[in-house]
Amino acid sequence: MASQCDRKLSHDYMRRHNEALRCIHLQLCLNYRLTKSKKIRNHSLQECVSNDLAEIRIDTRIPTGIKVKYNKPDIFILVKLRKEILFVEVGITSFDHLRAVEYKKKDKYDLLVNH
């Protein structure tokens, strides 16, 4: 019974993660004028959307010149005018574990950020 609960809990966390990702993706698409629709129920995650302002990728490996363990952020944003790259990592956790998850997510991409 406990193992079934763990599987269900894992599924629930993944579902909430994907829903949060979809909400963030919609807001980013609106911010960078990649969509005009504000309705979340009609919004779907596309692997890559792009225009002259930005390129947004979902769960896509980032090609690097160095070997890195973590190079697949939840959301990768290339802001074309500023030549800036942003990573978004979504973490669904309890309040008690919030700081630990936050540090883990930040540390994941330190090598890429500092390279």
PDB file of N, CA and C in Angstrom:
ATOM      1  N   MET A   1       0.817  -1.200   0.000  1.00  0.00           N
ATOM      2  CA  MET A   1       0.000   0.000   0.000  1.00  0.00           C
ATOM      3  C   MET A   1       0.856   1.258   0.000  1.00  0.00           C
ATOM      4  N   ALA A   2       1.931   1.240   0.798  1.00  0.00           N
ATOM      5  CA  ALA A   2       2.794   2.421   0.888  1.00  0.00           C
ATOM      6  C   ALA A   2       3.452   2.723  -0.452  1.00  0.00           C
ATOM      7  N   SER A   3       3.860   1.673  -1.177  1.00  0.00           N
ATOM      8  CA  SER A   3       4.514   1.910  -2.466  1.00  0.00           C
ATOM      9  C   SER A   3       3.534   2.507  -3.471  1.00  0.00           C
ATOM     10  N   GLN A   4       2.267   2.096  -3.401  1.00  0.00           N
ATOM     11  CA  GLN A   4       1.266   2.680  -4.281  1.00  0.00           C
ATOM     12  C   GLN A   4       1.046   4.144  -3.936  1.00  0.00           C
ATOM     13  N   CYS A   5       1.093   4.478  -2.658  1.00  0.00           N
ATOM     14  CA  CYS A   5       0.940   5.872  -2.238  1.00  0.00           C
ATOM     15  C   CYS A   5       2.108   6.707  -2.752  1.00  0.00           C
ATOM     16  N   ASP A   6       3.324   6.149  -2.683  1.00  0.00           N
ATOM     17  CA  ASP A   6       4.496   6.861  -3.191  1.00  0.00           C
ATOM     18  C   ASP A   6       4.368   7.132  -4.685  1.00  0.00           C
ATOM     19  N   ARG A   7       3.883   6.138  -5.424  1.00  0.00           N
ATOM     20  CA  ARG A   7       3.707   6.325  -6.866  1.00  0.00           C
ATOM     21  C   ARG A   7       2.662   7.387  -7.152  1.00  0.00           C
ATOM     22  N   LYS A   8       1.567   7.349  -6.403  1.00  0.00           N
ATOM     23  CA  LYS A   8       0.515   8.345  -6.597  1.00  0.00           C
ATOM     24  C   LYS A   8       1.024   9.729  -6.225  1.00  0.00           C
ATOM     25  N   LEU A   9       1.767   9.820  -5.135  1.00  0.00           N
ATOM     26  CA  LEU A   9       2.319  11.099  -4.704  1.00  0.00           C
ATOM     27  C   LEU A   9       3.263  11.651  -5.768  1.00  0.00           C
ATOM     28  N   SER A  10       4.118  10.799  -6.314  1.00  0.00           N
ATOM     29  CA  SER A  10       5.048  11.209  -7.365  1.00  0.00           C
ATOM     30  C   SER A  10       4.282  11.703  -8.590  1.00  0.00           C
ATOM     31  N   HIS A  11       3.226  10.993  -8.955  1.00  0.00           N
ATOM     32  CA  HIS A  11       2.389  11.394 -10.094  1.00  0.00           C
ATOM     33  C   HIS A  11       1.740  12.748  -9.830  1.00  0.00           C
ATOM     34  N   ASP A  12       1.239  12.961  -8.618  1.00  0.00           N
ATOM     35  CA  ASP A  12       0.606  14.236  -8.269  1.00  0.00           C
ATOM     36  C   ASP A  12       1.602  15.389  -8.328  1.00  0.00           C
ATOM     37  N   TYR A  13       2.818  15.154  -7.825  1.00  0.00           N
ATOM     38  CA  TYR A  13       3.854  16.195  -7.891  1.00  0.00           C
ATOM     39  C   TYR A  13       4.191  16.526  -9.349  1.00  0.00           C
ATOM     40  N   MET A  14       4.314  15.508 -10.188  1.00  0.00           N
ATOM     41  CA  MET A  14       4.634  15.732 -11.601  1.00  0.00           C
ATOM     42  C   MET A  14       3.503  16.485 -12.299  1.00  0.00           C
ATOM     43  N   ARG A  15       2.268  16.135 -11.988  1.00  0.00           N
ATOM     44  CA  ARG A  15       1.121  16.821 -12.588  1.00  0.00           C
ATOM     45  C   ARG A  15       1.113  18.292 -12.182  1.00  0.00           C
ATOM     46  N   ARG A  16       1.353  18.559 -10.887  1.00  0.00           N
ATOM     47  CA  ARG A  16       1.394  19.947 -10.410  1.00  0.00           C
ATOM     48  C   ARG A  16       2.576  20.696 -11.015  1.00  0.00           C
ATOM     49  N   HIS A  17       3.711  20.020 -11.150  1.00  0.00           N
ATOM     50  CA  HIS A  17       4.894  20.612 -11.784  1.00  0.00           C
ATOM     51  C   HIS A  17       4.565  21.042 -13.214  1.00  0.00           C
ATOM     52  N   ASN A  18       3.935  20.152 -13.968  1.00  0.00           N
ATOM     53  CA  ASN A  18       3.615  20.443 -15.364  1.00  0.00           C
ATOM     54  C   ASN A  18       2.574  21.547 -15.494  1.00  0.00           C
ATOM     55  N   GLU A  19       1.619  21.598 -14.582  1.00  0.00           N
ATOM     56  CA  GLU A  19       0.627  22.679 -14.595  1.00  0.00           C
ATOM     57  C   GLU A  19       1.278  24.023 -14.269  1.00  0.00           C
ATOM     58  N   ALA A  20       2.178  24.038 -13.285  1.00  0.00           N
ATOM     59  CA  ALA A  20       2.908  25.269 -12.950  1.00  0.00           C
ATOM     60  C   ALA A  20       3.760  25.702 -14.143  1.00  0.00           C
ATOM     61  N   LEU A  21       4.399  24.749 -14.785  1.00  0.00           N
ATOM     62  CA  LEU A  21       5.220  25.031 -15.958  1.00  0.00           C
ATOM     63  C   LEU A  21       4.376  25.646 -17.076  1.00  0.00           C
ATOM     64  N   ARG A  22       3.191  25.109 -17.265  1.00  0.00           N
ATOM     65  CA  ARG A  22       2.284  25.628 -18.300  1.00  0.00           C
ATOM     66  C   ARG A  22       1.868  27.067 -18.003  1.00  0.00           C
ATOM     67  N   CYS A  23       1.579  27.373 -16.737  1.00  0.00           N
ATOM     68  CA  CYS A  23       1.204  28.742 -16.339  1.00  0.00           C
ATOM     69  C   CYS A  23       2.358  29.718 -16.565  1.00  0.00           C
ATOM     70  N   ILE A  24       3.554  29.310 -16.172  1.00  0.00           N
ATOM     71  CA  ILE A  24       4.737  30.165 -16.353  1.00  0.00           C
ATOM     72  C   ILE A  24       5.012  30.362 -17.837  1.00  0.00           C
ATOM     73  N   HIS A  25       4.901  29.286 -18.605  1.00  0.00           N
ATOM     74  CA  HIS A  25       5.137  29.356 -20.051  1.00  0.00           C
ATOM     75  C   HIS A  25       4.159  30.327 -20.706  1.00  0.00           C
ATOM     76  N   LEU A  26       2.894  30.254 -20.337  1.00  0.00           N
ATOM     77  CA  LEU A  26       1.897  31.172 -20.895  1.00  0.00           C
ATOM     78  C   LEU A  26       2.267  32.615 -20.582  1.00  0.00           C
ATOM     79  N   GLN A  27       2.632  32.890 -19.335  1.00  0.00           N
ATOM     80  CA  GLN A  27       2.986  34.260 -18.956  1.00  0.00           C
ATOM     81  C   GLN A  27       4.209  34.756 -19.731  1.00  0.00           C
ATOM     82  N   LEU A  28       5.199  33.889 -19.895  1.00  0.00           N
ATOM     83  CA  LEU A  28       6.382  34.265 -20.675  1.00  0.00           C
ATOM     84  C   LEU A  28       6.017  34.524 -22.138  1.00  0.00           C
ATOM     85  N   CYS A  29       5.163  33.688 -22.697  1.00  0.00           N
ATOM     86  CA  CYS A  29       4.721  33.887 -24.080  1.00  0.00           C
ATOM     87  C   CYS A  29       3.977  35.213 -24.236  1.00  0.00           C
ATOM     88  N   LEU A  30       3.181  35.569 -23.249  1.00  0.00           N
ATOM     89  CA  LEU A  30       2.499  36.867 -23.275  1.00  0.00           C
ATOM     90  C   LEU A  30       3.505  38.010 -23.149  1.00  0.00           C
ATOM     91  N   ASN A  31       4.456  37.878 -22.235  1.00  0.00           N
ATOM     92  CA  ASN A  31       5.458  38.927 -22.022  1.00  0.00           C
ATOM     93  C   ASN A  31       6.292  39.202 -23.272  1.00  0.00           C
ATOM     94  N   TYR A  32       6.627  38.140 -23.999  1.00  0.00           N
ATOM     95  CA  TYR A  32       7.467  38.293 -25.188  1.00  0.00           C
ATOM     96  C   TYR A  32       6.644  38.298 -26.481  1.00  0.00           C
ATOM     97  N   ARG A  33       5.347  38.499 -26.361  1.00  0.00           N
ATOM     98  CA  ARG A  33       4.425  38.617 -27.495  1.00  0.00           C
ATOM     99  C   ARG A  33       4.473  37.411 -28.441  1.00  0.00           C
ATOM    100  N   LEU A  34       4.569  36.237 -27.838  1.00  0.00           N
ATOM    101  CA  LEU A  34       4.554  35.000 -28.615  1.00  0.00           C
ATOM    102  C   LEU A  34       3.144  34.438 -28.745  1.00  0.00           C
ATOM    103  N   THR A  35       2.223  34.975 -27.956  1.00  0.00           N
ATOM    104  CA  THR A  35       0.811  34.597 -28.025  1.00  0.00           C
ATOM    105  C   THR A  35      -0.023  35.786 -27.592  1.00  0.00           C
ATOM    106  N   LYS A  36      -1.285  35.775 -27.986  1.00  0.00           N
ATOM    107  CA  LYS A  36      -2.199  36.839 -27.560  1.00  0.00           C
ATOM    108  C   LYS A  36      -3.260  36.309 -26.606  1.00  0.00           C
ATOM    109  N   SER A  37      -3.454  35.003 -26.615  1.00  0.00           N
ATOM    110  CA  SER A  37      -4.475  34.388 -25.772  1.00  0.00           C
ATOM    111  C   SER A  37      -4.017  34.333 -24.320  1.00  0.00           C
ATOM    112  N   LYS A  38      -4.880  34.777 -23.419  1.00  0.00           N
ATOM    113  CA  LYS A  38      -4.570  34.755 -21.989  1.00  0.00           C
ATOM    114  C   LYS A  38      -5.196  33.555 -21.286  1.00  0.00           C
ATOM    115  N   LYS A  39      -5.854  32.691 -22.039  1.00  0.00           N
ATOM    116  CA  LYS A  39      -6.587  31.570 -21.442  1.00  0.00           C
ATOM    117  C   LYS A  39      -5.676  30.362 -21.256  1.00  0.00           C
ATOM    118  N   ILE A  40      -5.492  29.986 -20.004  1.00  0.00           N
ATOM    119  CA  ILE A  40      -4.603  28.864 -19.678  1.00  0.00           C
ATOM    120  C   ILE A  40      -5.157  27.542 -20.197  1.00  0.00           C
ATOM    121  N   ARG A  41      -6.469  27.392 -20.206  1.00  0.00           N
ATOM    122  CA  ARG A  41      -7.037  26.102 -20.622  1.00  0.00           C
ATOM    123  C   ARG A  41      -6.762  25.799 -22.098  1.00  0.00           C
ATOM    124  N   ASN A  42      -6.540  26.841 -22.902  1.00  0.00           N
ATOM    125  CA  ASN A  42      -6.244  26.640 -24.322  1.00  0.00           C
ATOM    126  C   ASN A  42      -4.747  26.608 -24.617  1.00  0.00           C
ATOM    127  N   HIS A  43      -3.931  26.867 -23.604  1.00  0.00           N
ATOM    128  CA  HIS A  43      -2.484  26.964 -23.827  1.00  0.00           C
ATOM    129  C   HIS A  43      -1.829  25.591 -23.723  1.00  0.00           C
ATOM    130  N   SER A  44      -0.987  25.282 -24.683  1.00  0.00           N
ATOM    131  CA  SER A  44      -0.240  24.018 -24.632  1.00  0.00           C
ATOM    132  C   SER A  44       1.254  24.328 -24.680  1.00  0.00           C
ATOM    133  N   LEU A  45       2.012  23.468 -24.032  1.00  0.00           N
ATOM    134  CA  LEU A  45       3.462  23.629 -24.029  1.00  0.00           C
ATOM    135  C   LEU A  45       4.015  23.151 -25.364  1.00  0.00           C
ATOM    136  N   GLN A  46       4.732  24.020 -26.028  1.00  0.00           N
ATOM    137  CA  GLN A  46       5.420  23.658 -27.257  1.00  0.00           C
ATOM    138  C   GLN A  46       6.907  23.615 -26.958  1.00  0.00           C
ATOM    139  N   GLU A  47       7.603  22.687 -27.555  1.00  0.00           N
ATOM    140  CA  GLU A  47       9.033  22.535 -27.264  1.00  0.00           C
ATOM    141  C   GLU A  47       9.807  23.818 -27.542  1.00  0.00           C
ATOM    142  N   CYS A  48       9.452  24.527 -28.619  1.00  0.00           N
ATOM    143  CA  CYS A  48      10.154  25.766 -28.949  1.00  0.00           C
ATOM    144  C   CYS A  48       9.185  26.751 -29.593  1.00  0.00           C
ATOM    145  N   VAL A  49       9.166  27.972 -29.066  1.00  0.00           N
ATOM    146  CA  VAL A  49       8.432  29.076 -29.685  1.00  0.00           C
ATOM    147  C   VAL A  49       9.403  30.236 -29.801  1.00  0.00           C
ATOM    148  N   SER A  50       9.265  31.012 -30.887  1.00  0.00           N
ATOM    149  CA  SER A  50      10.258  32.044 -31.141  1.00  0.00           C
ATOM    150  C   SER A  50       9.664  33.188 -31.951  1.00  0.00           C
ATOM    151  N   ASN A  51      10.205  34.365 -31.739  1.00  0.00           N
ATOM    152  CA  ASN A  51       9.931  35.522 -32.580  1.00  0.00           C
ATOM    153  C   ASN A  51      11.176  36.400 -32.565  1.00  0.00           C
ATOM    154  N   ASP A  52      11.053  37.667 -32.989  1.00  0.00           N
ATOM    155  CA  ASP A  52      12.230  38.535 -33.038  1.00  0.00           C
ATOM    156  C   ASP A  52      12.674  39.006 -31.654  1.00  0.00           C
ATOM    157  N   LEU A  53      11.834  38.831 -30.628  1.00  0.00           N
ATOM    158  CA  LEU A  53      12.179  39.248 -29.266  1.00  0.00           C
ATOM    159  C   LEU A  53      12.856  38.146 -28.460  1.00  0.00           C
ATOM    160  N   ALA A  54      12.321  36.928 -28.578  1.00  0.00           N
ATOM    161  CA  ALA A  54      12.808  35.857 -27.704  1.00  0.00           C
ATOM    162  C   ALA A  54      12.562  34.477 -28.307  1.00  0.00           C
ATOM    163  N   GLU A  55      13.285  33.528 -27.743  1.00  0.00           N
ATOM    164  CA  GLU A  55      13.077  32.115 -28.050  1.00  0.00           C
ATOM    165  C   GLU A  55      12.893  31.411 -26.716  1.00  0.00           C
ATOM    166  N   ILE A  56      11.820  30.630 -26.602  1.00  0.00           N
ATOM    167  CA  ILE A  56      11.539  29.904 -25.368  1.00  0.00           C
ATOM    168  C   ILE A  56      11.494  28.418 -25.690  1.00  0.00           C
ATOM    169  N   ARG A  57      12.288  27.649 -24.937  1.00  0.00           N
ATOM    170  CA  ARG A  57      12.344  26.200 -25.125  1.00  0.00           C
ATOM    171  C   ARG A  57      11.951  25.505 -23.827  1.00  0.00           C
ATOM    172  N   ILE A  58      11.253  24.396 -23.958  1.00  0.00           N
ATOM    173  CA  ILE A  58      10.801  23.604 -22.817  1.00  0.00           C
ATOM    174  C   ILE A  58      11.538  22.269 -22.816  1.00  0.00           C
ATOM    175  N   ASP A  59      12.140  21.922 -21.664  1.00  0.00           N
ATOM    176  CA  ASP A  59      12.820  20.619 -21.498  1.00  0.00           C
ATOM    177  C   ASP A  59      13.706  20.247 -22.684  1.00  0.00           C
ATOM    178  N   THR A  60      14.547  21.176 -23.092  1.00  0.00           N
ATOM    179  CA  THR A  60      15.429  20.963 -24.229  1.00  0.00           C
ATOM    180  C   THR A  60      16.881  21.021 -23.777  1.00  0.00           C
ATOM    181  N   ARG A  61      17.670  20.078 -24.219  1.00  0.00           N
ATOM    182  CA  ARG A  61      19.098  20.084 -23.881  1.00  0.00           C
ATOM    183  C   ARG A  61      19.778  21.301 -24.496  1.00  0.00           C
ATOM    184  N   ILE A  62      20.697  21.871 -23.727  1.00  0.00           N
ATOM    185  CA  ILE A  62      21.458  23.024 -24.178  1.00  0.00           C
ATOM    186  C   ILE A  62      22.820  22.523 -24.648  1.00  0.00           C
ATOM    187  N   PRO A  63      23.165  22.759 -25.918  1.00  0.00           N
ATOM    188  CA  PRO A  63      24.486  22.332 -26.373  1.00  0.00           C
ATOM    189  C   PRO A  63      25.576  23.152 -25.676  1.00  0.00           C
ATOM    190  N   THR A  64      26.585  22.472 -25.175  1.00  0.00           N
ATOM    191  CA  THR A  64      27.668  23.156 -24.469  1.00  0.00           C
ATOM    192  C   THR A  64      29.011  22.667 -24.984  1.00  0.00           C
ATOM    193  N   GLY A  65      30.020  23.477 -24.781  1.00  0.00           N
ATOM    194  CA  GLY A  65      31.371  23.098 -25.156  1.00  0.00           C
ATOM    195  C   GLY A  65      32.064  22.288 -24.078  1.00  0.00           C
ATOM    196  N   ILE A  66      31.409  22.175 -22.933  1.00  0.00           N
ATOM    197  CA  ILE A  66      31.961  21.416 -21.815  1.00  0.00           C
ATOM    198  C   ILE A  66      30.975  20.324 -21.425  1.00  0.00           C
ATOM    199  N   LYS A  67      31.478  19.310 -20.741  1.00  0.00           N
ATOM    200  CA  LYS A  67      30.603  18.226 -20.295  1.00  0.00           C
ATOM    201  C   LYS A  67      29.956  18.634 -18.972  1.00  0.00           C
ATOM    202  N   VAL A  68      28.630  18.695 -18.972  1.00  0.00           N
ATOM    203  CA  VAL A  68      27.890  19.050 -17.764  1.00  0.00           C
ATOM    204  C   VAL A  68      26.801  18.021 -17.529  1.00  0.00           C
ATOM    205  N   LYS A  69      26.532  17.754 -16.271  1.00  0.00           N
ATOM    206  CA  LYS A  69      25.524  16.763 -15.907  1.00  0.00           C
ATOM    207  C   LYS A  69      24.115  17.309 -16.150  1.00  0.00           C
ATOM    208  N   TYR A  70      23.904  18.563 -15.790  1.00  0.00           N
ATOM    209  CA  TYR A  70      22.575  19.166 -15.913  1.00  0.00           C
ATOM    210  C   TYR A  70      22.597  20.234 -16.999  1.00  0.00           C
ATOM    211  N   ASN A  71      21.965  19.962 -18.116  1.00  0.00           N
ATOM    212  CA  ASN A  71      21.871  20.956 -19.179  1.00  0.00           C
ATOM    213  C   ASN A  71      20.499  20.911 -19.857  1.00  0.00           C
ATOM    214  N   LYS A  72      19.481  20.622 -19.056  1.00  0.00           N
ATOM    215  CA  LYS A  72      18.121  20.523 -19.584  1.00  0.00           C
ATOM    216  C   LYS A  72      17.155  21.210 -18.608  1.00  0.00           C
ATOM    217  N   PRO A  73      17.160  22.550 -18.573  1.00  0.00           N
ATOM    218  CA  PRO A  73      16.269  23.254 -17.650  1.00  0.00           C
ATOM    219  C   PRO A  73      14.801  23.101 -18.066  1.00  0.00           C
ATOM    220  N   ASP A  74      13.909  23.339 -17.112  1.00  0.00           N
ATOM    221  CA  ASP A  74      12.478  23.286 -17.432  1.00  0.00           C
ATOM    222  C   ASP A  74      12.148  24.281 -18.540  1.00  0.00           C
ATOM    223  N   ILE A  75      12.635  25.506 -18.398  1.00  0.00           N
ATOM    224  CA  ILE A  75      12.420  26.536 -19.415  1.00  0.00           C
ATOM    225  C   ILE A  75      13.749  27.238 -19.692  1.00  0.00           C
ATOM    226  N   PHE A  76      14.065  27.379 -20.962  1.00  0.00           N
ATOM    227  CA  PHE A  76      15.246  28.106 -21.430  1.00  0.00           C
ATOM    228  C   PHE A  76      14.730  29.294 -22.229  1.00  0.00           C
ATOM    229  N   ILE A  77      15.191  30.495 -21.888  1.00  0.00           N
ATOM    230  CA  ILE A  77      14.745  31.698 -22.588  1.00  0.00           C
ATOM    231  C   ILE A  77      15.963  32.417 -23.149  1.00  0.00           C
ATOM    232  N   LEU A  78      15.943  32.666 -24.440  1.00  0.00           N
ATOM    233  CA  LEU A  78      16.955  33.495 -25.077  1.00  0.00           C
ATOM    234  C   LEU A  78      16.294  34.829 -25.389  1.00  0.00           C
ATOM    235  N   VAL A  79      16.715  35.881 -24.690  1.00  0.00           N
ATOM    236  CA  VAL A  79      16.201  37.226 -24.951  1.00  0.00           C
ATOM    237  C   VAL A  79      17.116  37.814 -26.020  1.00  0.00           C
ATOM    238  N   LYS A  80      16.624  37.897 -27.231  1.00  0.00           N
ATOM    239  CA  LYS A  80      17.468  38.204 -28.383  1.00  0.00           C
ATOM    240  C   LYS A  80      18.036  39.620 -28.365  1.00  0.00           C
ATOM    241  N   LEU A  81      17.238  40.606 -28.019  1.00  0.00           N
ATOM    242  CA  LEU A  81      17.712  41.993 -28.049  1.00  0.00           C
ATOM    243  C   LEU A  81      18.809  42.251 -27.024  1.00  0.00           C
ATOM    244  N   ARG A  82      18.688  41.647 -25.865  1.00  0.00           N
ATOM    245  CA  ARG A  82      19.690  41.845 -24.802  1.00  0.00           C
ATOM    246  C   ARG A  82      20.793  40.793 -24.836  1.00  0.00           C
ATOM    247  N   LYS A  83      20.645  39.805 -25.731  1.00  0.00           N
ATOM    248  CA  LYS A  83      21.601  38.692 -25.812  1.00  0.00           C
ATOM    249  C   LYS A  83      21.809  38.089 -24.428  1.00  0.00           C
ATOM    250  N   GLU A  84      20.685  37.737 -23.823  1.00  0.00           N
ATOM    251  CA  GLU A  84      20.669  37.223 -22.452  1.00  0.00           C
ATOM    252  C   GLU A  84      19.979  35.864 -22.441  1.00  0.00           C
ATOM    253  N   ILE A  85      20.487  34.969 -21.617  1.00  0.00           N
ATOM    254  CA  ILE A  85      19.881  33.648 -21.460  1.00  0.00           C
ATOM    255  C   ILE A  85      19.370  33.519 -20.037  1.00  0.00           C
ATOM    256  N   LEU A  86      18.143  33.030 -19.908  1.00  0.00           N
ATOM    257  CA  LEU A  86      17.529  32.812 -18.598  1.00  0.00           C
ATOM    258  C   LEU A  86      17.104  31.351 -18.489  1.00  0.00           C
ATOM    259  N   PHE A  87      17.283  30.781 -17.311  1.00  0.00           N
ATOM    260  CA  PHE A  87      16.795  29.437 -17.015  1.00  0.00           C
ATOM    261  C   PHE A  87      15.677  29.556 -16.000  1.00  0.00           C
ATOM    262  N   VAL A  88      14.646  28.739 -16.167  1.00  0.00           N
ATOM    263  CA  VAL A  88      13.580  28.639 -15.172  1.00  0.00           C
ATOM    264  C   VAL A  88      13.489  27.174 -14.765  1.00  0.00           C
ATOM    265  N   GLU A  89      13.584  26.921 -13.480  1.00  0.00           N
ATOM    266  CA  GLU A  89      13.427  25.582 -12.922  1.00  0.00           C
ATOM    267  C   GLU A  89      12.230  25.617 -11.982  1.00  0.00           C
ATOM    268  N   VAL A  90      11.319  24.695 -12.148  1.00  0.00           N
ATOM    269  CA  VAL A  90      10.123  24.625 -11.315  1.00  0.00           C
ATOM    270  C   VAL A  90      10.317  23.515 -10.290  1.00  0.00           C
ATOM    271  N   GLY A  91      10.046  23.827  -9.033  1.00  0.00           N
ATOM    272  CA  GLY A  91      10.136  22.833  -7.968  1.00  0.00           C
ATOM    273  C   GLY A  91       8.850  22.805  -7.166  1.00  0.00           C
ATOM    274  N   ILE A  92       8.208  21.673  -7.102  1.00  0.00           N
ATOM    275  CA  ILE A  92       6.984  21.501  -6.322  1.00  0.00           C
ATOM    276  C   ILE A  92       7.365  20.742  -5.058  1.00  0.00           C
ATOM    277  N   THR A  93       7.194  21.378  -3.918  1.00  0.00           N
ATOM    278  CA  THR A  93       7.599  20.768  -2.663  1.00  0.00           C
ATOM    279  C   THR A  93       6.764  21.330  -1.520  1.00  0.00           C
ATOM    280  N   SER A  94       6.988  20.802  -0.347  1.00  0.00           N
ATOM    281  CA  SER A  94       6.306  21.322   0.841  1.00  0.00           C
ATOM    282  C   SER A  94       7.077  22.534   1.353  1.00  0.00           C
ATOM    283  N   PHE A  95       6.431  23.327   2.174  1.00  0.00           N
ATOM    284  CA  PHE A  95       7.059  24.524   2.728  1.00  0.00           C
ATOM    285  C   PHE A  95       8.295  24.161   3.548  1.00  0.00           C
ATOM    286  N   ASP A  96       8.240  23.016   4.240  1.00  0.00           N
ATOM    287  CA  ASP A  96       9.365  22.579   5.076  1.00  0.00           C
ATOM    288  C   ASP A  96      10.638  22.324   4.268  1.00  0.00           C
ATOM    289  N   HIS A  97      10.496  21.931   3.015  1.00  0.00           N
ATOM    290  CA  HIS A  97      11.646  21.590   2.179  1.00  0.00           C
ATOM    291  C   HIS A  97      11.965  22.662   1.139  1.00  0.00           C
ATOM    292  N   LEU A  98      11.299  23.796   1.216  1.00  0.00           N
ATOM    293  CA  LEU A  98      11.427  24.829   0.194  1.00  0.00           C
ATOM    294  C   LEU A  98      12.864  25.301  -0.003  1.00  0.00           C
ATOM    295  N   ARG A  99      13.554  25.638   1.071  1.00  0.00           N
ATOM    296  CA  ARG A  99      14.936  26.147   0.975  1.00  0.00           C
ATOM    297  C   ARG A  99      15.877  25.104   0.363  1.00  0.00           C
ATOM    298  N   ALA A 100      15.741  23.863   0.791  1.00  0.00           N
ATOM    299  CA  ALA A 100      16.611  22.799   0.273  1.00  0.00           C
ATOM    300  C   ALA A 100      16.418  22.626  -1.235  1.00  0.00           C
ATOM    301  N   VAL A 101      15.171  22.636  -1.682  1.00  0.00           N
ATOM    302  CA  VAL A 101      14.881  22.486  -3.112  1.00  0.00           C
ATOM    303  C   VAL A 101      15.395  23.702  -3.882  1.00  0.00           C
ATOM    304  N   GLU A 102      15.227  24.877  -3.299  1.00  0.00           N
ATOM    305  CA  GLU A 102      15.708  26.104  -3.943  1.00  0.00           C
ATOM    306  C   GLU A 102      17.224  26.048  -4.165  1.00  0.00           C
ATOM    307  N   TYR A 103      17.973  25.666  -3.144  1.00  0.00           N
ATOM    308  CA  TYR A 103      19.427  25.566  -3.271  1.00  0.00           C
ATOM    309  C   TYR A 103      19.827  24.494  -4.275  1.00  0.00           C
ATOM    310  N   LYS A 104      19.121  23.367  -4.240  1.00  0.00           N
ATOM    311  CA  LYS A 104      19.423  22.270  -5.166  1.00  0.00           C
ATOM    312  C   LYS A 104      19.229  22.722  -6.615  1.00  0.00           C
ATOM    313  N   LYS A 105      18.134  23.421  -6.866  1.00  0.00           N
ATOM    314  CA  LYS A 105      17.845  23.899  -8.219  1.00  0.00           C
ATOM    315  C   LYS A 105      18.888  24.920  -8.677  1.00  0.00           C
ATOM    316  N   LYS A 106      19.304  25.807  -7.775  1.00  0.00           N
ATOM    317  CA  LYS A 106      20.319  26.811  -8.130  1.00  0.00           C
ATOM    318  C   LYS A 106      21.666  26.158  -8.408  1.00  0.00           C
ATOM    319  N   ASP A 107      22.052  25.213  -7.562  1.00  0.00           N
ATOM    320  CA  ASP A 107      23.348  24.543  -7.709  1.00  0.00           C
ATOM    321  C   ASP A 107      23.435  23.710  -8.986  1.00  0.00           C
ATOM    322  N   LYS A 108      22.291  23.220  -9.453  1.00  0.00           N
ATOM    323  CA  LYS A 108      22.246  22.363 -10.624  1.00  0.00           C
ATOM    324  C   LYS A 108      22.931  22.987 -11.839  1.00  0.00           C
ATOM    325  N   TYR A 109      22.763  24.283 -12.013  1.00  0.00           N
ATOM    326  CA  TYR A 109      23.238  24.951 -13.223  1.00  0.00           C
ATOM    327  C   TYR A 109      24.408  25.890 -12.980  1.00  0.00           C
ATOM    328  N   ASP A 110      25.041  25.793 -11.810  1.00  0.00           N
ATOM    329  CA  ASP A 110      26.194  26.643 -11.500  1.00  0.00           C
ATOM    330  C   ASP A 110      27.295  26.537 -12.554  1.00  0.00           C
ATOM    331  N   LEU A 111      27.584  25.339 -12.998  1.00  0.00           N
ATOM    332  CA  LEU A 111      28.655  25.140 -13.968  1.00  0.00           C
ATOM    333  C   LEU A 111      28.352  25.862 -15.282  1.00  0.00           C
ATOM    334  N   LEU A 112      27.102  25.812 -15.723  1.00  0.00           N
ATOM    335  CA  LEU A 112      26.727  26.508 -16.957  1.00  0.00           C
ATOM    336  C   LEU A 112      26.766  28.023 -16.782  1.00  0.00           C
ATOM    337  N   VAL A 113      26.274  28.500 -15.671  1.00  0.00           N
ATOM    338  CA  VAL A 113      26.199  29.940 -15.424  1.00  0.00           C
ATOM    339  C   VAL A 113      27.589  30.541 -15.309  1.00  0.00           C
ATOM    340  N   ASN A 114      28.491  29.843 -14.655  1.00  0.00           N
ATOM    341  CA  ASN A 114      29.828  30.377 -14.404  1.00  0.00           C
ATOM    342  C   ASN A 114      30.852  30.019 -15.475  1.00  0.00           C
ATOM    343  N   HIS A 115      30.419  29.363 -16.551  1.00  0.00           N
ATOM    344  CA  HIS A 115      31.354  28.965 -17.608  1.00  0.00           C
ATOM    345  C   HIS A 115      31.511  30.083 -18.616  1.00  0.00           C
TER     346      HIS A 115
END
